[in-house]
């Protein structure tokens, strides 16, 4: 649970809303993850985080779906909402 209210997607500037649409398309989801919204508060962080996420989740030795399952498992073990 957040201790500070996060802005909703529509409350961010238009350029970040466009970035959010790209995130939703890339991850095939219909929402903006909380961590993406948190990082978007600081100018430049969202772009850096997005590039790192895309690079980390690209197929390599492990396929993207395997990496996603690892991330879900680690988040569940840590009781992480993000």
N, C-alpha and C. Protein backbone atom coordinates (compact mmCIF):
# COMPACT_ATOMS: atom_id res chain seq x y z
N UNK A 1 0.84 -1.17 0.00
CA UNK A 1 0.00 0.00 0.00
C UNK A 1 0.89 1.24 0.00
N UNK A 2 0.51 2.21 -0.82
CA UNK A 2 1.28 3.44 -0.92
C UNK A 2 1.12 4.29 0.34
N UNK A 3 2.17 5.00 0.69
CA UNK A 3 2.08 5.96 1.78
C UNK A 3 1.92 7.38 1.23
N UNK A 4 2.16 7.53 -0.06
CA UNK A 4 1.98 8.80 -0.75
C UNK A 4 1.08 8.53 -1.95
N UNK A 5 0.15 9.41 -2.21
CA UNK A 5 -0.76 9.20 -3.35
C UNK A 5 0.02 9.30 -4.66
N UNK A 6 -0.13 8.28 -5.48
CA UNK A 6 0.48 8.29 -6.81
C UNK A 6 -0.45 9.00 -7.77
N UNK A 7 0.12 9.75 -8.68
CA UNK A 7 -0.70 10.35 -9.73
C UNK A 7 -1.28 9.26 -10.60
N UNK A 8 -2.47 9.48 -11.08
CA UNK A 8 -3.09 8.58 -12.04
C UNK A 8 -2.50 8.89 -13.42
N UNK A 9 -2.63 7.95 -14.31
CA UNK A 9 -2.06 8.09 -15.65
C UNK A 9 -2.46 9.41 -16.31
N UNK A 10 -3.74 9.76 -16.23
CA UNK A 10 -4.24 10.97 -16.91
C UNK A 10 -3.73 12.26 -16.28
N UNK A 11 -3.14 12.19 -15.09
CA UNK A 11 -2.65 13.38 -14.40
C UNK A 11 -1.22 13.78 -14.83
N UNK A 12 -0.56 12.91 -15.58
CA UNK A 12 0.79 13.20 -16.06
C UNK A 12 0.73 14.03 -17.34
N UNK A 13 1.81 14.73 -17.67
CA UNK A 13 1.84 15.52 -18.91
C UNK A 13 1.66 14.64 -20.14
N UNK A 14 1.21 15.22 -21.25
CA UNK A 14 0.95 14.45 -22.48
C UNK A 14 2.14 13.63 -22.97
N UNK A 15 3.36 14.17 -22.84
CA UNK A 15 4.52 13.40 -23.33
C UNK A 15 4.73 12.12 -22.52
N UNK A 16 4.42 12.16 -21.23
CA UNK A 16 4.52 10.94 -20.43
C UNK A 16 3.37 10.00 -20.70
N UNK A 17 2.20 10.53 -21.02
CA UNK A 17 1.08 9.67 -21.37
C UNK A 17 1.40 8.87 -22.64
N UNK A 18 2.10 9.51 -23.57
CA UNK A 18 2.53 8.80 -24.79
C UNK A 18 3.52 7.69 -24.41
N UNK A 19 4.44 8.00 -23.52
CA UNK A 19 5.39 7.00 -23.02
C UNK A 19 4.65 5.85 -22.35
N UNK A 20 3.63 6.17 -21.55
CA UNK A 20 2.85 5.14 -20.88
C UNK A 20 2.16 4.21 -21.88
N UNK A 21 1.68 4.78 -22.97
CA UNK A 21 1.04 3.94 -24.01
C UNK A 21 2.05 2.94 -24.57
N UNK A 22 3.29 3.40 -24.75
CA UNK A 22 4.35 2.50 -25.23
C UNK A 22 4.63 1.38 -24.23
N UNK A 23 4.63 1.72 -22.95
CA UNK A 23 4.85 0.72 -21.90
C UNK A 23 3.74 -0.34 -21.94
N UNK A 24 2.49 0.13 -22.06
CA UNK A 24 1.36 -0.80 -22.09
C UNK A 24 1.45 -1.71 -23.32
N UNK A 25 1.85 -1.15 -24.44
CA UNK A 25 1.99 -1.96 -25.66
C UNK A 25 3.12 -2.97 -25.51
N UNK A 26 4.26 -2.51 -25.03
CA UNK A 26 5.44 -3.38 -24.90
C UNK A 26 5.16 -4.57 -24.00
N UNK A 27 4.52 -4.31 -22.85
CA UNK A 27 4.26 -5.37 -21.89
C UNK A 27 2.90 -6.04 -22.09
N UNK A 28 2.14 -5.57 -23.09
CA UNK A 28 0.83 -6.15 -23.40
C UNK A 28 -0.08 -6.13 -22.17
N UNK A 29 -0.18 -4.94 -21.55
CA UNK A 29 -1.02 -4.75 -20.38
C UNK A 29 -1.90 -3.53 -20.61
N UNK A 30 -2.95 -3.38 -19.82
CA UNK A 30 -3.85 -2.25 -20.02
C UNK A 30 -3.79 -1.23 -18.87
N UNK A 31 -2.69 -1.22 -18.14
CA UNK A 31 -2.49 -0.28 -17.04
C UNK A 31 -1.03 0.16 -17.01
N UNK A 32 -0.76 1.22 -16.28
CA UNK A 32 0.61 1.69 -16.10
C UNK A 32 1.08 1.19 -14.75
N UNK A 33 2.14 0.37 -14.71
CA UNK A 33 2.63 -0.15 -13.43
C UNK A 33 2.97 0.98 -12.45
N UNK A 34 2.77 0.71 -11.18
CA UNK A 34 3.03 1.71 -10.15
C UNK A 34 4.48 2.20 -10.20
N UNK A 35 5.42 1.27 -10.37
CA UNK A 35 6.83 1.67 -10.38
C UNK A 35 7.12 2.61 -11.54
N UNK A 36 6.48 2.40 -12.67
CA UNK A 36 6.65 3.30 -13.81
C UNK A 36 6.15 4.69 -13.46
N UNK A 37 5.00 4.75 -12.79
CA UNK A 37 4.47 6.06 -12.38
C UNK A 37 5.38 6.73 -11.36
N UNK A 38 5.90 5.97 -10.41
CA UNK A 38 6.80 6.54 -9.40
C UNK A 38 8.04 7.13 -10.08
N UNK A 39 8.64 6.38 -10.98
CA UNK A 39 9.86 6.84 -11.64
C UNK A 39 9.59 8.02 -12.57
N UNK A 40 8.36 8.19 -12.99
CA UNK A 40 8.02 9.29 -13.90
C UNK A 40 7.93 10.64 -13.19
N UNK A 41 7.95 10.64 -11.87
CA UNK A 41 7.94 11.90 -11.12
C UNK A 41 9.25 12.66 -11.34
N UNK A 42 10.34 11.93 -11.54
CA UNK A 42 11.65 12.55 -11.73
C UNK A 42 11.97 12.60 -13.22
N UNK A 43 12.17 13.79 -13.72
CA UNK A 43 12.45 13.98 -15.14
C UNK A 43 13.64 13.13 -15.59
N UNK A 44 13.46 12.40 -16.66
CA UNK A 44 14.53 11.58 -17.22
C UNK A 44 14.59 10.17 -16.68
N UNK A 45 14.02 9.93 -15.53
CA UNK A 45 14.07 8.58 -14.94
C UNK A 45 13.21 7.60 -15.71
N UNK A 46 12.06 8.03 -16.20
CA UNK A 46 11.18 7.10 -16.88
C UNK A 46 11.82 6.58 -18.16
N UNK A 47 12.50 7.45 -18.91
CA UNK A 47 13.16 6.99 -20.14
C UNK A 47 14.25 5.98 -19.83
N UNK A 48 15.06 6.28 -18.82
CA UNK A 48 16.15 5.38 -18.44
C UNK A 48 15.60 4.05 -17.96
N UNK A 49 14.59 4.10 -17.12
CA UNK A 49 13.97 2.86 -16.61
C UNK A 49 13.37 2.06 -17.76
N UNK A 50 12.71 2.75 -18.68
CA UNK A 50 12.09 2.06 -19.82
C UNK A 50 13.12 1.36 -20.69
N UNK A 51 14.22 2.04 -20.98
CA UNK A 51 15.28 1.42 -21.79
C UNK A 51 15.87 0.21 -21.09
N UNK A 52 16.12 0.34 -19.80
CA UNK A 52 16.68 -0.78 -19.03
C UNK A 52 15.72 -1.96 -18.99
N UNK A 53 14.44 -1.67 -18.78
CA UNK A 53 13.44 -2.74 -18.73
C UNK A 53 13.35 -3.47 -20.06
N UNK A 54 13.29 -2.72 -21.15
CA UNK A 54 13.20 -3.36 -22.47
C UNK A 54 14.44 -4.19 -22.75
N UNK A 55 15.61 -3.67 -22.40
CA UNK A 55 16.85 -4.40 -22.64
C UNK A 55 16.88 -5.67 -21.79
N UNK A 56 16.46 -5.57 -20.53
CA UNK A 56 16.48 -6.73 -19.64
C UNK A 56 15.48 -7.79 -20.06
N UNK A 57 14.36 -7.38 -20.63
CA UNK A 57 13.30 -8.33 -20.95
C UNK A 57 13.36 -8.87 -22.38
N UNK A 58 14.33 -8.45 -23.15
CA UNK A 58 14.49 -8.97 -24.51
C UNK A 58 14.94 -10.43 -24.44
N UNK A 59 14.44 -11.24 -25.36
CA UNK A 59 14.84 -12.65 -25.41
C UNK A 59 16.35 -12.77 -25.53
N UNK A 60 16.89 -13.70 -24.78
CA UNK A 60 18.32 -14.01 -24.81
C UNK A 60 18.44 -15.47 -24.42
N UNK A 61 19.32 -15.78 -23.47
CA UNK A 61 19.43 -17.14 -22.97
C UNK A 61 18.08 -17.58 -22.41
N UNK A 62 17.44 -16.66 -21.69
CA UNK A 62 16.08 -16.90 -21.21
C UNK A 62 15.10 -16.13 -22.10
N UNK A 63 13.97 -16.72 -22.37
CA UNK A 63 12.93 -16.05 -23.14
C UNK A 63 12.22 -15.04 -22.24
N UNK A 64 11.58 -14.08 -22.87
CA UNK A 64 10.90 -13.02 -22.10
C UNK A 64 9.89 -13.59 -21.11
N UNK A 65 9.11 -14.58 -21.53
CA UNK A 65 8.10 -15.13 -20.62
C UNK A 65 8.75 -15.80 -19.41
N UNK A 66 9.94 -16.37 -19.57
CA UNK A 66 10.65 -16.96 -18.43
C UNK A 66 11.11 -15.87 -17.46
N UNK A 67 11.60 -14.77 -18.01
CA UNK A 67 12.03 -13.64 -17.18
C UNK A 67 10.84 -13.05 -16.43
N UNK A 68 9.69 -12.97 -17.10
CA UNK A 68 8.49 -12.46 -16.45
C UNK A 68 8.09 -13.36 -15.27
N UNK A 69 8.17 -14.66 -15.46
CA UNK A 69 7.81 -15.59 -14.38
C UNK A 69 8.78 -15.46 -13.20
N UNK A 70 10.06 -15.26 -13.48
CA UNK A 70 11.04 -15.05 -12.41
C UNK A 70 10.69 -13.77 -11.64
N UNK A 71 10.37 -12.71 -12.37
CA UNK A 71 10.03 -11.43 -11.74
C UNK A 71 8.78 -11.57 -10.88
N UNK A 72 7.78 -12.27 -11.37
CA UNK A 72 6.55 -12.48 -10.60
C UNK A 72 6.84 -13.27 -9.33
N UNK A 73 7.65 -14.30 -9.46
CA UNK A 73 7.99 -15.14 -8.30
C UNK A 73 8.74 -14.34 -7.24
N UNK A 74 9.74 -13.58 -7.66
CA UNK A 74 10.51 -12.76 -6.72
C UNK A 74 9.60 -11.73 -6.05
N UNK A 75 8.74 -11.10 -6.84
CA UNK A 75 7.81 -10.12 -6.26
C UNK A 75 6.87 -10.76 -5.25
N UNK A 76 6.38 -11.95 -5.57
CA UNK A 76 5.47 -12.65 -4.65
C UNK A 76 6.19 -13.03 -3.36
N UNK A 77 7.40 -13.53 -3.48
CA UNK A 77 8.16 -13.90 -2.28
C UNK A 77 8.41 -12.70 -1.40
N UNK A 78 8.66 -11.55 -2.02
CA UNK A 78 8.93 -10.32 -1.28
C UNK A 78 7.67 -9.53 -0.93
N UNK A 79 6.50 -10.08 -1.26
CA UNK A 79 5.22 -9.39 -1.02
C UNK A 79 5.24 -7.98 -1.60
N UNK A 80 5.75 -7.87 -2.82
CA UNK A 80 5.91 -6.59 -3.48
C UNK A 80 4.72 -6.32 -4.40
N UNK A 81 4.10 -5.14 -4.26
CA UNK A 81 2.99 -4.77 -5.12
C UNK A 81 3.44 -4.25 -6.47
N UNK A 82 4.71 -3.97 -6.61
CA UNK A 82 5.19 -3.34 -7.84
C UNK A 82 5.63 -4.37 -8.84
